[in-house]
Amino acid sequence: MASGEAASTAKAKYQQIADDLASQIRTGVLAPGAAIPSEAELMERYGVASGTVRKAVAELRTTQLIETHHGRGSFVRSRPPVQRKSSDRFRRAHRLAGKAAYLAEAEQSGGKPSVNVLFVGPVDAPEEIAERLNVPVGSKVLARKRRYFRDGTPTEEATSYLPWDVVKDIPETFAENPGGGGIYARLEEHGHRLAEFTETVRARLATKAETAALALSPGSPVIHLVRDAITDAGRVVEVCDTVMAADQFVLDYRFPARD
C-alpha cells in the first residue's frame, strides 16, 4: 500500500509515486544498492498503468536517486559522497609537497583516490584544443588520458593536451606516472612557471561512451570542464578536457574583489 505521502492528490500521480519512493530511499527503507520494485509490482501497489510507473521511475533517475541497468532493473544509487572541486587544488604548495591536484582535492574531501592511465602519446590537435594552445589544427601534441576513481567508483575522465615543443624535452610527461606533483610540477621544473588557470564549465547529458566510462545511468548529466594552464609568459602549456559525473561534484571558486 502506498504511504500517505503518495495518497495526496495535489500532484500528478506519477509525481506522487516518485515522491513516495524517494521518501523510502531517503529514510533507508530502500537502502543503497537495493532494487526498486518491478514495474508490475509498482503498478499493483499504486493501482496505475505502466506508463505512469515509467514516468515515476524516470523522475527518480532525473533526481539521481536511482540508476537503471538494462536487463537488470533499477537500483538505489550507492555512489560515494560529493567531492568538492576547489580552485585551491592548484596551489603551488600542493605541487611542492608532491601532490597532484586530484590527490589534493580527494584527500580534502575524504575517500580513497586512484587513477587509471588510459593513453599517453602523440595525437593530432583537435580544432578547439589547437585554438586554445595557439597551434595549427592537426599539429602534433602530447595527449594524456586518465580515468579517476574514488573508493573504486569512477568519477571523472580527463585528457590533457600539451604542446609538443614544450614537452619533447621533458621525458617525465611521457610516463604514466610523471612523478610527485604531476605534470604541472614537471613543467615548472623546466622553466614554465604557471601564473593562472582559466576554466570553461558547462552541463550536458552524458554521451553513450561517457555513460559506460563513468558507470552512469542513461540520461545522466555530466559537468564538462575545459581548463587552460597559462604561464607567466602568457603561453597556454596545457589544455585539460574533463568530464565529471555531475552528482559527484560541487565546484567551489574564489574570485578577487579588487581590480
Protein backbone atom coordinates (compact mmCIF):
# COMPACT_ATOMS: atom_id res chain seq x y z
CA MET A 1 0.00 0.00 0.00
CA ALA A 2 1.25 3.49 -0.80
CA SER A 3 2.08 5.81 2.07
CA GLY A 4 0.12 8.90 2.96
CA GLU A 5 2.61 10.98 1.01
CA ALA A 6 1.61 9.20 -2.18
CA ALA A 7 -2.09 9.48 -1.38
CA SER A 8 -2.06 13.23 -1.88
CA THR A 9 -4.00 14.44 -4.92
CA ALA A 10 -2.15 17.76 -5.17
CA LYS A 11 0.33 16.35 -7.69
CA ALA A 12 0.19 14.23 -10.81
CA LYS A 13 0.00 10.55 -9.94
CA TYR A 14 3.47 9.74 -11.30
CA GLN A 15 4.94 12.52 -9.16
CA GLN A 16 3.15 11.18 -6.07
CA ILE A 17 4.66 7.75 -6.70
CA ALA A 18 8.12 9.23 -7.29
CA ASP A 19 7.84 11.23 -4.06
CA ASP A 20 6.81 8.16 -2.11
CA LEU A 21 9.70 6.08 -3.43
CA ALA A 22 12.09 8.99 -2.85
CA SER A 23 10.96 9.16 0.77
CA GLN A 24 11.63 5.43 1.16
CA ILE A 25 15.13 5.92 -0.25
CA ARG A 26 15.96 8.90 1.97
CA THR A 27 14.70 7.17 5.12
CA GLY A 28 16.57 3.97 4.35
CA VAL A 29 13.53 1.78 3.73
CA LEU A 30 15.11 1.26 0.31
CA ALA A 31 18.81 1.02 1.13
CA PRO A 32 21.74 1.94 -1.15
CA GLY A 33 22.11 -0.78 -3.76
CA ALA A 34 18.60 -2.15 -3.18
CA ALA A 35 16.45 -2.99 -6.18
CA ILE A 36 13.43 -0.80 -6.87
CA PRO A 37 10.22 -2.91 -7.10
CA SER A 38 9.48 -4.12 -10.62
CA GLU A 39 7.13 -2.31 -12.96
CA ALA A 40 4.43 -4.93 -12.36
CA GLU A 41 4.80 -4.61 -8.58
CA LEU A 42 4.56 -0.84 -8.70
CA MET A 43 1.50 -0.99 -10.97
CA GLU A 44 -0.24 -3.25 -8.47
CA ARG A 45 0.89 -1.32 -5.41
CA TYR A 46 -0.25 2.07 -6.67
CA GLY A 47 -3.12 0.98 -8.92
CA VAL A 48 -1.79 2.73 -12.01
CA ALA A 49 -0.89 1.91 -15.62
CA SER A 50 2.61 1.04 -16.79
CA GLY A 51 3.14 4.47 -18.39
CA THR A 52 2.60 6.19 -15.03
CA VAL A 53 5.10 3.89 -13.33
CA ARG A 54 7.68 4.52 -16.05
CA LYS A 55 7.32 8.28 -15.64
CA ALA A 56 7.78 7.93 -11.87
CA VAL A 57 10.93 5.84 -12.30
CA ALA A 58 12.25 8.33 -14.87
CA GLU A 59 11.71 11.10 -12.32
CA LEU A 60 13.86 9.22 -9.79
CA ARG A 61 16.59 8.81 -12.39
CA THR A 62 16.47 12.54 -13.16
CA THR A 63 16.98 13.37 -9.48
CA GLN A 64 19.89 10.88 -9.36
CA LEU A 65 18.31 8.74 -6.64
CA ILE A 66 18.38 5.55 -8.70
CA GLU A 67 20.33 4.08 -11.57
CA THR A 68 18.96 1.73 -14.22
CA HIS A 69 20.88 -1.13 -15.79
CA HIS A 70 19.47 -2.63 -18.98
CA GLY A 71 18.10 -6.11 -18.40
CA ARG A 72 18.60 -5.93 -14.62
CA GLY A 73 16.29 -3.20 -13.38
CA SER A 74 16.64 -0.05 -11.28
CA PHE A 75 18.62 0.26 -8.05
CA VAL A 76 19.11 2.85 -5.32
CA ARG A 77 22.33 4.68 -6.05
CA SER A 78 25.26 3.80 -3.83
CA ARG A 79 27.83 6.17 -5.31
CA PRO A 80 30.35 7.84 -2.96
CA PRO A 81 29.63 11.25 -1.38
CA VAL A 82 30.00 14.50 -3.24
CA GLN A 83 33.55 15.77 -3.72
CA ARG A 84 34.22 19.50 -3.66
CA LYS A 85 36.38 20.67 -6.55
CA SER A 86 38.03 23.84 -5.28
CA SER A 87 40.22 26.31 -7.10
CA ASP A 88 42.67 25.82 -4.19
CA ARG A 89 43.62 22.44 -5.65
CA PHE A 90 46.10 24.22 -7.96
CA ARG A 91 48.11 25.89 -5.22
CA ARG A 92 51.86 25.64 -5.79
CA ALA A 93 52.26 24.38 -2.22
CA HIS A 94 50.48 21.17 -3.21
CA ARG A 95 52.89 20.60 -6.10
CA LEU A 96 55.90 21.29 -3.90
CA ALA A 97 54.51 18.72 -1.45
CA GLY A 98 54.39 16.21 -4.29
CA LYS A 99 50.60 16.19 -4.62
CA ALA A 100 48.87 16.47 -7.98
CA ALA A 101 45.58 18.42 -8.00
CA TYR A 102 43.33 15.36 -7.95
CA LEU A 103 45.11 13.82 -4.97
CA ALA A 104 44.99 17.11 -3.08
CA GLU A 105 41.25 17.58 -3.57
CA ALA A 106 40.39 13.92 -2.92
CA GLU A 107 42.38 13.99 0.30
CA GLN A 108 40.47 17.05 1.49
CA SER A 109 37.03 15.57 0.75
CA GLY A 110 37.72 12.06 2.00
CA GLY A 111 37.70 8.75 0.19
CA LYS A 112 40.48 6.73 -1.40
CA PRO A 113 41.56 8.19 -4.76
CA SER A 114 43.06 6.20 -7.62
CA VAL A 115 43.73 6.77 -11.31
CA ASN A 116 43.86 4.59 -14.39
CA VAL A 117 46.03 5.94 -17.22
CA LEU A 118 44.25 5.10 -20.48
CA PHE A 119 46.63 6.63 -23.03
CA VAL A 120 49.83 8.67 -23.24
CA GLY A 121 51.23 9.62 -26.62
CA PRO A 122 51.21 11.94 -29.63
CA VAL A 123 47.93 12.91 -31.33
CA ASP A 124 46.80 15.49 -33.87
CA ALA A 125 45.39 18.52 -32.07
CA PRO A 126 41.57 18.78 -32.43
CA GLU A 127 40.26 22.17 -33.54
CA GLU A 128 39.19 23.52 -30.14
CA ILE A 129 42.38 22.29 -28.47
CA ALA A 130 44.58 23.75 -31.21
CA GLU A 131 42.84 27.11 -30.82
CA ARG A 132 43.41 27.14 -27.08
CA LEU A 133 47.06 26.10 -27.44
CA ASN A 134 47.55 28.60 -30.29
CA VAL A 135 48.92 25.94 -32.65
CA PRO A 136 47.70 24.92 -36.13
CA VAL A 137 44.85 22.40 -36.25
CA GLY A 138 46.31 18.93 -36.65
CA SER A 139 49.65 19.83 -35.05
CA LYS A 140 51.31 17.08 -33.04
CA VAL A 141 50.60 17.43 -29.31
CA LEU A 142 51.03 15.12 -26.35
CA ALA A 143 47.78 13.65 -25.01
CA ARG A 144 47.42 12.15 -21.53
CA LYS A 145 44.04 10.47 -20.91
CA ARG A 146 43.12 9.29 -17.41
CA ARG A 147 40.10 7.94 -15.57
CA TYR A 148 39.83 8.87 -11.89
CA PHE A 149 38.19 6.83 -9.14
CA ARG A 150 37.20 7.40 -5.54
CA ASP A 151 36.61 4.37 -3.37
CA GLY A 152 36.70 2.28 -6.54
CA THR A 153 33.94 4.21 -8.32
CA PRO A 154 34.75 6.17 -11.50
CA THR A 155 34.02 9.87 -11.03
CA GLU A 156 35.73 11.67 -13.90
CA GLU A 157 37.71 11.23 -17.10
CA ALA A 158 40.26 13.79 -18.27
CA THR A 159 42.54 14.28 -21.25
CA SER A 160 45.43 16.74 -21.09
CA TYR A 161 46.91 18.18 -24.29
CA LEU A 162 50.39 19.73 -24.19
CA PRO A 163 52.36 21.47 -26.99
CA TRP A 164 54.99 19.16 -28.45
CA ASP A 165 57.79 21.75 -28.38
CA VAL A 166 57.19 22.19 -24.64
CA VAL A 167 57.14 18.52 -23.62
CA LYS A 168 59.58 16.91 -26.05
CA ASP A 169 62.45 17.62 -23.68
CA ILE A 170 60.54 16.63 -20.50
CA PRO A 171 60.62 12.82 -20.53
CA GLU A 172 58.54 12.51 -17.36
CA THR A 173 55.48 13.85 -19.18
CA PHE A 174 55.53 10.74 -21.39
CA ALA A 175 55.45 8.39 -18.39
CA GLU A 176 52.22 7.03 -16.93
CA ASN A 177 53.31 8.47 -13.59
CA PRO A 178 55.08 11.81 -14.16
CA GLY A 179 56.19 11.97 -10.53
CA GLY A 180 55.19 13.88 -7.41
CA GLY A 181 53.12 16.99 -8.09
CA GLY A 182 52.09 15.73 -11.53
CA ILE A 183 52.77 17.33 -14.90
CA TYR A 184 52.41 20.87 -13.53
CA ALA A 185 55.37 20.28 -11.23
CA ARG A 186 57.43 18.94 -14.15
CA LEU A 187 56.51 21.93 -16.33
CA GLU A 188 57.59 24.37 -13.63
CA GLU A 189 60.84 22.50 -13.04
CA HIS A 190 61.66 23.08 -16.71
CA GLY A 191 61.03 26.82 -16.58
CA HIS A 192 57.33 27.01 -17.46
CA ARG A 193 56.17 28.73 -14.27
CA LEU A 194 52.38 28.75 -14.07
CA ALA A 195 50.65 32.06 -13.47
CA GLU A 196 46.95 31.25 -13.74
CA PHE A 197 44.30 28.78 -14.84
CA THR A 198 41.09 29.50 -16.72
CA GLU A 199 38.15 27.11 -16.81
CA THR A 200 35.10 26.86 -19.04
CA VAL A 201 32.29 24.87 -17.44
CA ARG A 202 29.01 23.61 -18.84
CA ALA A 203 26.46 20.93 -18.01
CA ARG A 204 25.05 18.45 -20.53
CA LEU A 205 23.82 14.88 -20.80
CA ALA A 206 26.43 12.13 -20.91
CA THR A 207 27.21 10.52 -24.24
CA LYS A 208 26.90 6.75 -24.57
CA ALA A 209 30.67 6.36 -24.18
CA GLU A 210 30.75 8.62 -21.09
CA THR A 211 27.82 6.73 -19.56
CA ALA A 212 29.81 3.50 -19.85
CA ALA A 213 33.12 5.01 -18.70
CA LEU A 214 31.66 6.60 -15.56
CA ALA A 215 29.12 3.84 -14.78
CA LEU A 216 26.19 6.27 -15.12
CA SER A 217 22.53 5.61 -15.75
CA PRO A 218 21.25 6.51 -19.24
CA GLY A 219 20.32 10.18 -19.41
CA SER A 220 22.57 11.20 -16.52
CA PRO A 221 24.06 14.71 -16.55
CA VAL A 222 27.78 15.43 -16.60
CA ILE A 223 29.91 18.50 -15.98
CA HIS A 224 32.16 19.26 -18.95
CA LEU A 225 35.11 21.38 -17.84
CA VAL A 226 37.93 22.61 -20.07
CA ARG A 227 40.93 24.24 -18.37
CA ASP A 228 43.87 26.22 -19.74
CA ALA A 229 47.14 26.32 -17.76
CA ILE A 230 48.89 29.64 -18.51
CA THR A 231 52.48 30.58 -17.75
CA ASP A 232 54.00 33.85 -16.57
CA ALA A 233 54.89 34.46 -20.22
CA GLY A 234 51.22 34.20 -21.20
CA ARG A 235 51.52 30.88 -23.01
CA VAL A 236 48.98 28.07 -22.64
CA VAL A 237 51.08 24.98 -21.90
CA GLU A 238 48.22 22.57 -21.19
CA VAL A 239 44.55 22.21 -22.03
CA CYS A 240 42.70 19.69 -19.86
CA ASP A 241 39.35 18.42 -21.17
CA THR A 242 37.44 16.83 -18.28
CA VAL A 243 34.06 15.11 -18.00
CA MET A 244 32.72 14.59 -14.46
CA ALA A 245 29.71 12.75 -13.06
CA ALA A 246 27.53 15.74 -12.18
CA ASP A 247 26.10 14.24 -8.98
CA GLN A 248 29.59 13.69 -7.58
CA PHE A 249 30.99 17.22 -7.58
CA VAL A 250 30.40 20.71 -6.26
CA LEU A 251 32.56 23.37 -7.90
CA ASP A 252 33.98 25.97 -5.49
CA TYR A 253 35.77 29.08 -6.79
CA ARG A 254 37.35 32.15 -5.24
CA PHE A 255 37.39 35.46 -7.10
CA PRO A 256 39.36 38.58 -6.10
CA ALA A 257 37.20 41.62 -5.40
CA ARG A 258 39.91 44.06 -6.41
CA ASP A 259 40.60 45.21 -9.97
